């Protein structure tokens, strides 16, 4: 009797599948998305995405702004 289990590695998600700029942004409060190398978090009570720029200054975007900029669920280098 063998107790080993066979596992298959999960296929890597293609870059095009990770880029979701044409799909809808998440709507759950505290959702995180990435745009141009920066993380943005959805504030639930104001429906805006907040993060910081390259110099650490706060930035806030509407959902439409992030759609125009492009966004992903994962950080892209």
Protein backbone atom coordinates (compact mmCIF):
# COMPACT_ATOMS: atom_id res chain seq x y z
CA UNK A 1 0.00 0.00 0.00
CA UNK A 2 1.44 3.33 -1.06
CA UNK A 3 0.88 6.52 0.91
CA UNK A 4 2.43 8.87 -1.62
CA UNK A 5 0.19 11.24 -3.47
CA UNK A 6 0.86 12.49 -6.89
CA UNK A 7 0.64 16.23 -7.30
CA UNK A 8 0.89 18.23 -10.45
CA UNK A 9 2.34 21.73 -10.41
CA UNK A 10 -0.14 24.46 -11.13
CA UNK A 11 0.41 26.05 -14.52
CA UNK A 12 1.71 29.60 -14.40
CA UNK A 13 -0.89 32.19 -15.19
CA UNK A 14 -0.03 34.02 -18.42
CA UNK A 15 0.70 37.71 -18.08
CA UNK A 16 -2.31 38.60 -20.21
CA UNK A 17 -4.61 36.72 -17.83
CA UNK A 18 -3.25 38.62 -14.81
CA UNK A 19 -3.87 42.00 -16.40
CA UNK A 20 -7.46 42.83 -15.68
CA UNK A 21 -7.69 46.43 -16.75
CA UNK A 22 -10.67 45.60 -18.97
CA UNK A 23 -12.59 43.78 -16.23
CA UNK A 24 -14.32 45.33 -13.25
CA UNK A 25 -12.34 46.38 -10.21
CA UNK A 26 -13.04 44.52 -6.95
CA UNK A 27 -15.72 46.10 -4.79
CA UNK A 28 -15.00 44.58 -1.36
CA UNK A 29 -13.57 47.09 1.12
CA UNK A 30 -9.83 46.68 1.74
CA UNK A 31 -9.30 45.00 -1.66
CA UNK A 32 -5.79 45.50 -3.01
CA UNK A 33 -4.78 46.03 -6.65
CA UNK A 34 -1.53 47.11 -8.28
CA UNK A 35 -1.06 49.89 -10.81
CA UNK A 36 2.26 51.03 -12.25
CA UNK A 37 4.21 49.26 -9.49
CA UNK A 38 2.20 50.64 -6.56
CA UNK A 39 -0.43 49.00 -4.35
CA UNK A 40 -3.82 50.65 -3.93
CA UNK A 41 -6.43 49.75 -1.30
CA UNK A 42 -10.16 50.35 -1.69
CA UNK A 43 -11.58 52.53 1.07
CA UNK A 44 -15.06 51.19 1.68
CA UNK A 45 -16.74 54.30 2.96
CA UNK A 46 -15.52 56.66 0.21
CA UNK A 47 -15.26 54.30 -2.77
CA UNK A 48 -11.79 55.49 -3.69
CA UNK A 49 -8.48 53.71 -4.14
CA UNK A 50 -5.64 55.03 -1.96
CA UNK A 51 -1.90 54.43 -2.09
CA UNK A 52 1.36 56.36 -2.26
CA UNK A 53 3.51 57.65 -5.12
CA UNK A 54 7.26 57.14 -5.63
CA UNK A 55 8.05 59.72 -2.94
CA UNK A 56 5.63 58.36 -0.34
CA UNK A 57 3.00 61.04 -0.88
CA UNK A 58 -0.61 59.87 -0.57
CA UNK A 59 -2.59 59.39 -3.76
CA UNK A 60 -6.28 58.69 -4.24
CA UNK A 61 -7.96 57.50 -7.44
CA UNK A 62 -11.50 56.75 -8.49
CA UNK A 63 -12.29 53.40 -10.05
CA UNK A 64 -12.41 55.09 -13.46
CA UNK A 65 -8.92 56.54 -12.92
CA UNK A 66 -7.50 53.09 -12.15
CA UNK A 67 -9.24 51.61 -15.19
CA UNK A 68 -7.51 54.22 -17.38
CA UNK A 69 -4.11 53.65 -15.71
CA UNK A 70 -4.39 49.88 -15.92
CA UNK A 71 -4.29 47.54 -12.94
CA UNK A 72 -3.61 43.93 -11.91
CA UNK A 73 -4.16 41.70 -8.89
CA UNK A 74 -0.44 40.99 -8.72
CA UNK A 75 2.59 43.24 -8.66
CA UNK A 76 4.33 43.43 -12.02
CA UNK A 77 8.00 44.33 -12.23
